[in-house]
Amino acid sequence: EAHVSDFGTAKLLKLDSSNWSKLAGTYGYMAPE
């Protein structure tokens, strides 16, 4: 059974903000935008 781990890059979204951020994630899995 799968379990999601490693929340070091997690971002709590504030819906009233633009949510701009520094690049985070693993190369090859990041969304192109």
Full PDB file with SEQRES, HELIX, SHEET, SSBOND, CRYST1, ORIGX, SCALE, CONECT and MASTER records, all heavy atoms in Angstrom:
SEQRES   1 A   33  GLU ALA HIS VAL SER ASP PHE GLY THR ALA LYS LEU LEU          
SEQRES   2 A   33  LYS LEU ASP SER SER ASN TRP SER LYS LEU ALA GLY THR          
SEQRES   3 A   33  TYR GLY TYR MET ALA PRO GLU                                  
CRYST1    1.000    1.000    1.000  90.00  90.00  90.00 P 1           1          
ORIGX1      1.000000  0.000000  0.000000        0.00000                         
ORIGX2      0.000000  1.000000  0.000000        0.00000                         
ORIGX3      0.000000  0.000000  1.000000        0.00000                         
SCALE1      1.000000  0.000000  0.000000        0.00000                         
SCALE2      0.000000  1.000000  0.000000        0.00000                         
SCALE3      0.000000  0.000000  1.000000        0.00000                         
ATOM      1  N   GLU A   1       0.863  -1.188   0.000  1.00  0.00           N  
ATOM      2  CA  GLU A   1       0.000   0.000   0.000  1.00  0.00           C  
ATOM      3  C   GLU A   1       0.897   1.234   0.000  1.00  0.00           C  
ATOM      4  O   GLU A   1       1.914   1.282   0.704  1.00  0.00           O  
ATOM      5  CB  GLU A   1      -0.896  -0.009   1.241  1.00  0.00           C  
ATOM      6  CG  GLU A   1      -1.980   1.044   1.245  1.00  0.00           C  
ATOM      7  CD  GLU A   1      -3.164   0.717   0.363  1.00  0.00           C  
ATOM      8  OE1 GLU A   1      -3.419  -0.476   0.114  1.00  0.00           O  
ATOM      9  OE2 GLU A   1      -3.847   1.675  -0.076  1.00  0.00           O  
ATOM     10  N   ALA A   2       0.524   2.236  -0.797  1.00  0.00           N  
ATOM     11  CA  ALA A   2       1.353   3.435  -0.947  1.00  0.00           C  
ATOM     12  C   ALA A   2       1.111   4.450   0.167  1.00  0.00           C  
ATOM     13  O   ALA A   2      -0.020   4.620   0.637  1.00  0.00           O  
ATOM     14  CB  ALA A   2       1.075   4.085  -2.294  1.00  0.00           C  
ATOM     15  N   HIS A   3       2.200   5.127   0.572  1.00  0.00           N  
ATOM     16  CA  HIS A   3       2.121   6.185   1.582  1.00  0.00           C  
ATOM     17  C   HIS A   3       2.995   7.347   1.122  1.00  0.00           C  
ATOM     18  O   HIS A   3       4.201   7.176   0.901  1.00  0.00           O  
ATOM     19  CB  HIS A   3       2.591   5.672   2.941  1.00  0.00           C  
ATOM     20  CG  HIS A   3       1.804   4.510   3.448  1.00  0.00           C  
ATOM     21  ND1 HIS A   3       0.739   4.648   4.315  1.00  0.00           N  
ATOM     22  CD2 HIS A   3       1.918   3.183   3.186  1.00  0.00           C  
ATOM     23  CE1 HIS A   3       0.235   3.450   4.577  1.00  0.00           C  
ATOM     24  NE2 HIS A   3       0.929   2.555   3.896  1.00  0.00           N  
ATOM     25  N   VAL A   4       2.387   8.520   0.984  1.00  0.00           N  
ATOM     26  CA  VAL A   4       3.104   9.710   0.540  1.00  0.00           C  
ATOM     27  C   VAL A   4       3.929  10.256   1.705  1.00  0.00           C  
ATOM     28  O   VAL A   4       3.433  10.397   2.824  1.00  0.00           O  
ATOM     29  CB  VAL A   4       2.127  10.785   0.041  1.00  0.00           C  
ATOM     30  CG1 VAL A   4       2.876  12.054  -0.364  1.00  0.00           C  
ATOM     31  CG2 VAL A   4       1.317  10.250  -1.143  1.00  0.00           C  
ATOM     32  N   SER A   5       5.202  10.549   1.428  1.00  0.00           N  
ATOM     33  CA  SER A   5       6.100  11.054   2.477  1.00  0.00           C  
ATOM     34  C   SER A   5       6.833  12.294   2.000  1.00  0.00           C  
ATOM     35  O   SER A   5       6.632  12.761   0.874  1.00  0.00           O  
ATOM     36  CB  SER A   5       7.118   9.968   2.861  1.00  0.00           C  
ATOM     37  OG  SER A   5       8.059   9.784   1.811  1.00  0.00           O  
ATOM     38  N   ASP A   6       7.702  12.818   2.867  1.00  0.00           N  
ATOM     39  CA  ASP A   6       8.600  13.933   2.577  1.00  0.00           C  
ATOM     40  C   ASP A   6       7.862  15.204   2.186  1.00  0.00           C  
ATOM     41  O   ASP A   6       7.675  15.515   1.018  1.00  0.00           O  
ATOM     42  CB  ASP A   6       9.607  13.561   1.492  1.00  0.00           C  
ATOM     43  CG  ASP A   6      10.846  14.449   1.553  1.00  0.00           C  
ATOM     44  OD1 ASP A   6      10.741  15.549   2.118  1.00  0.00           O  
ATOM     45  OD2 ASP A   6      11.906  14.055   1.051  1.00  0.00           O  
ATOM     46  N   PHE A   7       7.479  15.948   3.208  1.00  0.00           N  
ATOM     47  CA  PHE A   7       6.742  17.190   2.991  1.00  0.00           C  
ATOM     48  C   PHE A   7       7.610  18.431   3.154  1.00  0.00           C  
ATOM     49  O   PHE A   7       7.125  19.515   3.443  1.00  0.00           O  
ATOM     50  CB  PHE A   7       5.538  17.253   3.946  1.00  0.00           C  
ATOM     51  CG  PHE A   7       4.429  16.325   3.545  1.00  0.00           C  
ATOM     52  CD1 PHE A   7       4.522  14.964   3.787  1.00  0.00           C  
ATOM     53  CD2 PHE A   7       3.301  16.807   2.913  1.00  0.00           C  
ATOM     54  CE1 PHE A   7       3.509  14.103   3.406  1.00  0.00           C  
ATOM     55  CE2 PHE A   7       2.281  15.954   2.525  1.00  0.00           C  
ATOM     56  CZ  PHE A   7       2.384  14.600   2.771  1.00  0.00           C  
ATOM     57  N   GLY A   8       8.923  18.267   2.975  1.00  0.00           N  
ATOM     58  CA  GLY A   8       9.829  19.401   3.136  1.00  0.00           C  
ATOM     59  C   GLY A   8       9.569  20.537   2.166  1.00  0.00           C  
ATOM     60  O   GLY A   8       9.877  21.691   2.452  1.00  0.00           O  
ATOM     61  N   THR A   9       8.997  20.218   0.997  1.00  0.00           N  
ATOM     62  CA  THR A   9       8.725  21.270   0.015  1.00  0.00           C  
ATOM     63  C   THR A   9       7.245  21.649  -0.028  1.00  0.00           C  
ATOM     64  O   THR A   9       6.834  22.443  -0.858  1.00  0.00           O  
ATOM     65  CB  THR A   9       9.143  20.812  -1.403  1.00  0.00           C  
ATOM     66  OG1 THR A   9       8.419  19.616  -1.732  1.00  0.00           O  
ATOM     67  CG2 THR A   9      10.632  20.532  -1.469  1.00  0.00           C  
ATOM     68  N   ALA A  10       6.435  21.077   0.865  1.00  0.00           N  
ATOM     69  CA  ALA A  10       4.989  21.319   0.836  1.00  0.00           C  
ATOM     70  C   ALA A  10       4.685  22.801   1.016  1.00  0.00           C  
ATOM     71  O   ALA A  10       5.357  23.522   1.744  1.00  0.00           O  
ATOM     72  CB  ALA A  10       4.307  20.503   1.929  1.00  0.00           C  
ATOM     73  N   LYS A  11       3.628  23.234   0.343  1.00  0.00           N  
ATOM     74  CA  LYS A  11       3.209  24.631   0.439  1.00  0.00           C  
ATOM     75  C   LYS A  11       1.725  24.679   0.781  1.00  0.00           C  
ATOM     76  O   LYS A  11       0.910  24.041   0.132  1.00  0.00           O  
ATOM     77  CB  LYS A  11       3.454  25.359  -0.890  1.00  0.00           C  
ATOM     78  CG  LYS A  11       3.159  26.857  -0.835  1.00  0.00           C  
ATOM     79  CD  LYS A  11       3.551  27.514  -2.143  1.00  0.00           C  
ATOM     80  CE  LYS A  11       3.276  29.013  -2.113  1.00  0.00           C  
ATOM     81  NZ  LYS A  11       4.112  29.729  -1.138  1.00  0.00           N  
ATOM     82  N   LEU A  12       1.413  25.431   1.848  1.00  0.00           N  
ATOM     83  CA  LEU A  12       0.018  25.617   2.220  1.00  0.00           C  
ATOM     84  C   LEU A  12      -0.525  26.770   1.388  1.00  0.00           C  
ATOM     85  O   LEU A  12      -0.075  27.905   1.510  1.00  0.00           O  
ATOM     86  CB  LEU A  12      -0.094  25.919   3.715  1.00  0.00           C  
ATOM     87  CG  LEU A  12       0.496  24.829   4.617  1.00  0.00           C  
ATOM     88  CD1 LEU A  12       0.624  25.339   6.043  1.00  0.00           C  
ATOM     89  CD2 LEU A  12      -0.371  23.592   4.582  1.00  0.00           C  
ATOM     90  N   LEU A  13      -1.486  26.477   0.523  1.00  0.00           N  
ATOM     91  CA  LEU A  13      -1.963  27.483  -0.425  1.00  0.00           C  
ATOM     92  C   LEU A  13      -2.886  28.494   0.239  1.00  0.00           C  
ATOM     93  O   LEU A  13      -3.871  28.128   0.874  1.00  0.00           O  
ATOM     94  CB  LEU A  13      -2.726  26.809  -1.572  1.00  0.00           C  
ATOM     95  CG  LEU A  13      -1.903  26.164  -2.679  1.00  0.00           C  
ATOM     96  CD1 LEU A  13      -2.819  25.784  -3.825  1.00  0.00           C  
ATOM     97  CD2 LEU A  13      -0.804  27.072  -3.175  1.00  0.00           C  
ATOM     98  N   LYS A  14      -2.564  29.755   0.085  1.00  0.00           N  
ATOM     99  CA  LYS A  14      -3.462  30.819   0.510  1.00  0.00           C  
ATOM    100  C   LYS A  14      -4.251  31.220  -0.724  1.00  0.00           C  
ATOM    101  O   LYS A  14      -3.702  31.741  -1.689  1.00  0.00           O  
ATOM    102  CB  LYS A  14      -2.658  31.999   1.062  1.00  0.00           C  
ATOM    103  CG  LYS A  14      -1.872  31.647   2.325  1.00  0.00           C  
ATOM    104  CD  LYS A  14      -1.073  32.838   2.817  1.00  0.00           C  
ATOM    105  CE  LYS A  14      -0.271  32.467   4.062  1.00  0.00           C  
ATOM    106  NZ  LYS A  14       0.557  33.605   4.536  1.00  0.00           N  
ATOM    107  N   LEU A  15      -5.541  30.961  -0.698  1.00  0.00           N  
ATOM    108  CA  LEU A  15      -6.355  31.114  -1.904  1.00  0.00           C  
ATOM    109  C   LEU A  15      -6.474  32.570  -2.356  1.00  0.00           C  
ATOM    110  O   LEU A  15      -6.849  32.842  -3.481  1.00  0.00           O  
ATOM    111  CB  LEU A  15      -7.744  30.522  -1.656  1.00  0.00           C  
ATOM    112  CG  LEU A  15      -7.747  29.024  -1.300  1.00  0.00           C  
ATOM    113  CD1 LEU A  15      -9.161  28.545  -1.085  1.00  0.00           C  
ATOM    114  CD2 LEU A  15      -7.059  28.203  -2.383  1.00  0.00           C  
ATOM    115  N   ASP A  16      -6.171  33.516  -1.452  1.00  0.00           N  
ATOM    116  CA  ASP A  16      -6.285  34.923  -1.824  1.00  0.00           C  
ATOM    117  C   ASP A  16      -4.936  35.524  -2.224  1.00  0.00           C  
ATOM    118  O   ASP A  16      -4.778  36.730  -2.311  1.00  0.00           O  
ATOM    119  CB  ASP A  16      -6.873  35.733  -0.666  1.00  0.00           C  
ATOM    120  CG  ASP A  16      -6.037  35.620   0.608  1.00  0.00           C  
ATOM    121  OD1 ASP A  16      -5.158  34.739   0.642  1.00  0.00           O  
ATOM    122  OD2 ASP A  16      -6.269  36.407   1.540  1.00  0.00           O  
ATOM    123  N   SER A  17      -3.940  34.659  -2.469  1.00  0.00           N  
ATOM    124  CA  SER A  17      -2.622  35.162  -2.848  1.00  0.00           C  
ATOM    125  C   SER A  17      -2.184  34.552  -4.172  1.00  0.00           C  
ATOM    126  O   SER A  17      -2.811  33.637  -4.693  1.00  0.00           O  
ATOM    127  CB  SER A  17      -1.586  34.839  -1.764  1.00  0.00           C  
ATOM    128  OG  SER A  17      -1.279  33.458  -1.763  1.00  0.00           O  
ATOM    129  N   SER A  18      -1.088  35.058  -4.708  1.00  0.00           N  
ATOM    130  CA  SER A  18      -0.613  34.594  -6.008  1.00  0.00           C  
ATOM    131  C   SER A  18       0.179  33.293  -5.913  1.00  0.00           C  
ATOM    132  O   SER A  18       0.389  32.613  -6.899  1.00  0.00           O  
ATOM    133  CB  SER A  18       0.268  35.669  -6.654  1.00  0.00           C  
ATOM    134  OG  SER A  18       1.383  35.941  -5.826  1.00  0.00           O  
ATOM    135  N   ASN A  19       0.649  32.949  -4.685  1.00  0.00           N  
ATOM    136  CA  ASN A  19       1.379  31.701  -4.468  1.00  0.00           C  
ATOM    137  C   ASN A  19       2.615  31.555  -5.339  1.00  0.00           C  
ATOM    138  O   ASN A  19       2.901  30.485  -5.853  1.00  0.00           O  
ATOM    139  CB  ASN A  19       0.454  30.491  -4.676  1.00  0.00           C  
ATOM    140  CG  ASN A  19      -0.586  30.395  -3.580  1.00  0.00           C  
ATOM    141  OD1 ASN A  19      -0.266  30.325  -2.394  1.00  0.00           O  
ATOM    142  ND2 ASN A  19      -1.839  30.427  -3.982  1.00  0.00           N  
ATOM    143  N   TRP A  20       3.341  32.648  -5.502  1.00  0.00           N  
ATOM    144  CA  TRP A  20       4.621  32.571  -6.194  1.00  0.00           C  
ATOM    145  C   TRP A  20       5.649  31.989  -5.243  1.00  0.00           C  
ATOM    146  O   TRP A  20       5.622  32.217  -4.052  1.00  0.00           O  
ATOM    147  CB  TRP A  20       5.063  33.963  -6.659  1.00  0.00           C  
ATOM    148  CG  TRP A  20       4.127  34.539  -7.666  1.00  0.00           C  
ATOM    149  CD1 TRP A  20       3.054  35.336  -7.429  1.00  0.00           C  
ATOM    150  CD2 TRP A  20       4.162  34.334  -9.078  1.00  0.00           C  
ATOM    151  NE1 TRP A  20       2.422  35.655  -8.604  1.00  0.00           N  
ATOM    152  CE2 TRP A  20       3.068  35.068  -9.629  1.00  0.00           C  
ATOM    153  CE3 TRP A  20       5.000  33.628  -9.939  1.00  0.00           C  
ATOM    154  CZ2 TRP A  20       2.805  35.094 -11.002  1.00  0.00           C  
ATOM    155  CZ3 TRP A  20       4.732  33.666 -11.310  1.00  0.00           C  
ATOM    156  CH2 TRP A  20       3.654  34.382 -11.818  1.00  0.00           C  
ATOM    157  N   SER A  21       6.564  31.217  -5.768  1.00  0.00           N  
ATOM    158  CA  SER A  21       7.507  30.525  -4.887  1.00  0.00           C  
ATOM    159  C   SER A  21       8.806  30.232  -5.625  1.00  0.00           C  
ATOM    160  O   SER A  21       8.860  30.246  -6.851  1.00  0.00           O  
ATOM    161  CB  SER A  21       6.887  29.211  -4.399  1.00  0.00           C  
ATOM    162  OG  SER A  21       7.798  28.471  -3.630  1.00  0.00           O  
ATOM    163  N   LYS A  22       9.825  29.937  -4.847  1.00  0.00           N  
ATOM    164  CA  LYS A  22      11.067  29.477  -5.456  1.00  0.00           C  
ATOM    165  C   LYS A  22      10.859  28.058  -5.987  1.00  0.00           C  
ATOM    166  O   LYS A  22       9.957  27.338  -5.551  1.00  0.00           O  
ATOM    167  CB  LYS A  22      12.213  29.499  -4.443  1.00  0.00           C  
ATOM    168  CG  LYS A  22      12.066  28.481  -3.337  1.00  0.00           C  
ATOM    169  CD  LYS A  22      13.335  28.414  -2.521  1.00  0.00           C  
ATOM    170  CE  LYS A  22      13.258  27.249  -1.530  1.00  0.00           C  
ATOM    171  NZ  LYS A  22      14.516  27.024  -0.837  1.00  0.00           N  
ATOM    172  N   LEU A  23      11.682  27.655  -6.933  1.00  0.00           N  
ATOM    173  CA  LEU A  23      11.566  26.337  -7.548  1.00  0.00           C  
ATOM    174  C   LEU A  23      11.830  25.242  -6.521  1.00  0.00           C  
ATOM    175  O   LEU A  23      12.791  25.298  -5.759  1.00  0.00           O  
ATOM    176  CB  LEU A  23      12.556  26.213  -8.702  1.00  0.00           C  
ATOM    177  CG  LEU A  23      12.289  25.112  -9.733  1.00  0.00           C  
ATOM    178  CD1 LEU A  23      10.947  25.343 -10.411  1.00  0.00           C  
ATOM    179  CD2 LEU A  23      13.397  25.105 -10.779  1.00  0.00           C  
ATOM    180  N   ALA A  24      10.934  24.261  -6.471  1.00  0.00           N  
ATOM    181  CA  ALA A  24      11.096  23.150  -5.536  1.00  0.00           C  
ATOM    182  C   ALA A  24      10.556  21.886  -6.174  1.00  0.00           C  
ATOM    183  O   ALA A  24       9.596  21.920  -6.934  1.00  0.00           O  
ATOM    184  CB  ALA A  24      10.362  23.443  -4.232  1.00  0.00           C  
ATOM    185  N   GLY A  25      11.177  20.762  -5.867  1.00  0.00           N  
ATOM    186  CA  GLY A  25      10.708  19.500  -6.417  1.00  0.00           C  
ATOM    187  C   GLY A  25      11.853  18.690  -6.995  1.00  0.00           C  
ATOM    188  O   GLY A  25      13.025  19.032  -6.843  1.00  0.00           O  
ATOM    189  N   THR A  26      11.500  17.610  -7.675  1.00  0.00           N  
ATOM    190  CA  THR A  26      12.494  16.706  -8.253  1.00  0.00           C  
ATOM    191  C   THR A  26      12.492  16.832  -9.769  1.00  0.00           C  
ATOM    192  O   THR A  26      11.426  16.786 -10.399  1.00  0.00           O  
ATOM    193  CB  THR A  26      12.191  15.246  -7.851  1.00  0.00           C  
ATOM    194  OG1 THR A  26      12.219  15.145  -6.424  1.00  0.00           O  
ATOM    195  CG2 THR A  26      13.213  14.292  -8.450  1.00  0.00           C  
ATOM    196  N   TYR A  27      13.668  16.995 -10.343  1.00  0.00           N  
ATOM    197  CA  TYR A  27      13.775  17.126 -11.799  1.00  0.00           C  
ATOM    198  C   TYR A  27      13.158  15.904 -12.475  1.00  0.00           C  
ATOM    199  O   TYR A  27      13.387  14.770 -12.090  1.00  0.00           O  
ATOM    200  CB  TYR A  27      15.245  17.251 -12.201  1.00  0.00           C  
ATOM    201  CG  TYR A  27      15.448  17.385 -13.689  1.00  0.00           C  
ATOM    202  CD1 TYR A  27      15.188  18.588 -14.337  1.00  0.00           C  
ATOM    203  CD2 TYR A  27      15.877  16.298 -14.450  1.00  0.00           C  
ATOM    204  CE1 TYR A  27      15.359  18.713 -15.702  1.00  0.00           C  
ATOM    205  CE2 TYR A  27      16.047  16.412 -15.823  1.00  0.00           C  
ATOM    206  CZ  TYR A  27      15.785  17.621 -16.446  1.00  0.00           C  
ATOM    207  OH  TYR A  27      15.942  17.734 -17.801  1.00  0.00           O  
ATOM    208  N   GLY A  28      12.364  16.157 -13.504  1.00  0.00           N  
ATOM    209  CA  GLY A  28      11.706  15.075 -14.226  1.00  0.00           C  
ATOM    210  C   GLY A  28      10.268  14.862 -13.792  1.00  0.00           C  
ATOM    211  O   GLY A  28       9.513  14.153 -14.458  1.00  0.00           O  
ATOM    212  N   TYR A  29       9.878  15.499 -12.678  1.00  0.00           N  
ATOM    213  CA  TYR A  29       8.500  15.382 -12.176  1.00  0.00           C  
ATOM    214  C   TYR A  29       7.812  16.748 -12.099  1.00  0.00           C  
ATOM    215  O   TYR A  29       6.609  16.818 -11.890  1.00  0.00           O  
ATOM    216  CB  TYR A  29       8.479  14.757 -10.778  1.00  0.00           C  
ATOM    217  CG  TYR A  29       9.004  13.347 -10.709  1.00  0.00           C  
ATOM    218  CD1 TYR A  29      10.364  13.107 -10.540  1.00  0.00           C  
ATOM    219  CD2 TYR A  29       8.152  12.248 -10.803  1.00  0.00           C  
ATOM    220  CE1 TYR A  29      10.858  11.809 -10.466  1.00  0.00           C  
ATOM    221  CE2 TYR A  29       8.633  10.951 -10.726  1.00  0.00           C  
ATOM    222  CZ  TYR A  29       9.998  10.739 -10.558  1.00  0.00           C  
ATOM    223  OH  TYR A  29      10.487   9.453 -10.486  1.00  0.00           O  
ATOM    224  N   MET A  30       8.580  17.831 -12.253  1.00  0.00           N  
ATOM    225  CA  MET A  30       8.022  19.170 -12.079  1.00  0.00           C  
ATOM    226  C   MET A  30       7.211  19.607 -13.288  1.00  0.00           C  
ATOM    227  O   MET A  30       7.588  19.369 -14.428  1.00  0.00           O  
ATOM    228  CB  MET A  30       9.141  20.179 -11.813  1.00  0.00           C  
ATOM    229  CG  MET A  30       9.772  20.040 -10.448  1.00  0.00           C  
ATOM    230  SD  MET A  30      10.977  21.346 -10.107  1.00  0.00           S  
ATOM    231  CE  MET A  30      12.331  20.837 -11.168  1.00  0.00           C  
ATOM    232  N   ALA A  31       6.098  20.264 -13.007  1.00  0.00           N  
ATOM    233  CA  ALA A  31       5.241  20.778 -14.073  1.00  0.00           C  
ATOM    234  C   ALA A  31       6.002  21.823 -14.883  1.00  0.00           C  
ATOM    235  O   ALA A  31       6.759  22.620 -14.321  1.00  0.00           O  
ATOM    236  CB  ALA A  31       3.983  21.386 -13.469  1.00  0.00           C  
ATOM    237  N   PRO A  32       5.834  21.824 -16.203  1.00  0.00           N  
ATOM    238  CA  PRO A  32       6.616  22.736 -17.061  1.00  0.00           C  
ATOM    239  C   PRO A  32       6.414  24.210 -16.741  1.00  0.00           C  
ATOM    240  O   PRO A  32       7.345  25.007 -16.894  1.00  0.00           O  
ATOM    241  CB  PRO A  32       6.138  22.389 -18.474  1.00  0.00           C  
ATOM    242  CG  PRO A  32       4.830  21.679 -18.291  1.00  0.00           C  
ATOM    243  CD  PRO A  32       4.935  20.963 -17.000  1.00  0.00           C  
ATOM    244  N   GLU A  33       5.212  24.590 -16.274  1.00  0.00           N  
ATOM    245  CA  GLU A  33       4.967  26.006 -16.019  1.00  0.00           C  
ATOM    246  C   GLU A  33       5.815  26.552 -14.874  1.00  0.00           C  
ATOM    247  O   GLU A  33       6.072  27.751 -14.787  1.00  0.00           O  
ATOM    248  CB  GLU A  33       3.480  26.271 -15.731  1.00  0.00           C  
ATOM    249  CG  GLU A  33       2.937  25.655 -14.445  1.00  0.00           C  
ATOM    250  CD  GLU A  33       2.381  24.262 -14.654  1.00  0.00           C  
ATOM    251  OE1 GLU A  33       2.676  23.651 -15.698  1.00  0.00           O  
ATOM    252  OE2 GLU A  33       1.638  23.794 -13.769  1.00  0.00           O  
TER     253      GLU A  33                                                      
MASTER        0    0    0    0    0    0    0    6  252    1    0    3          
END                                                                             
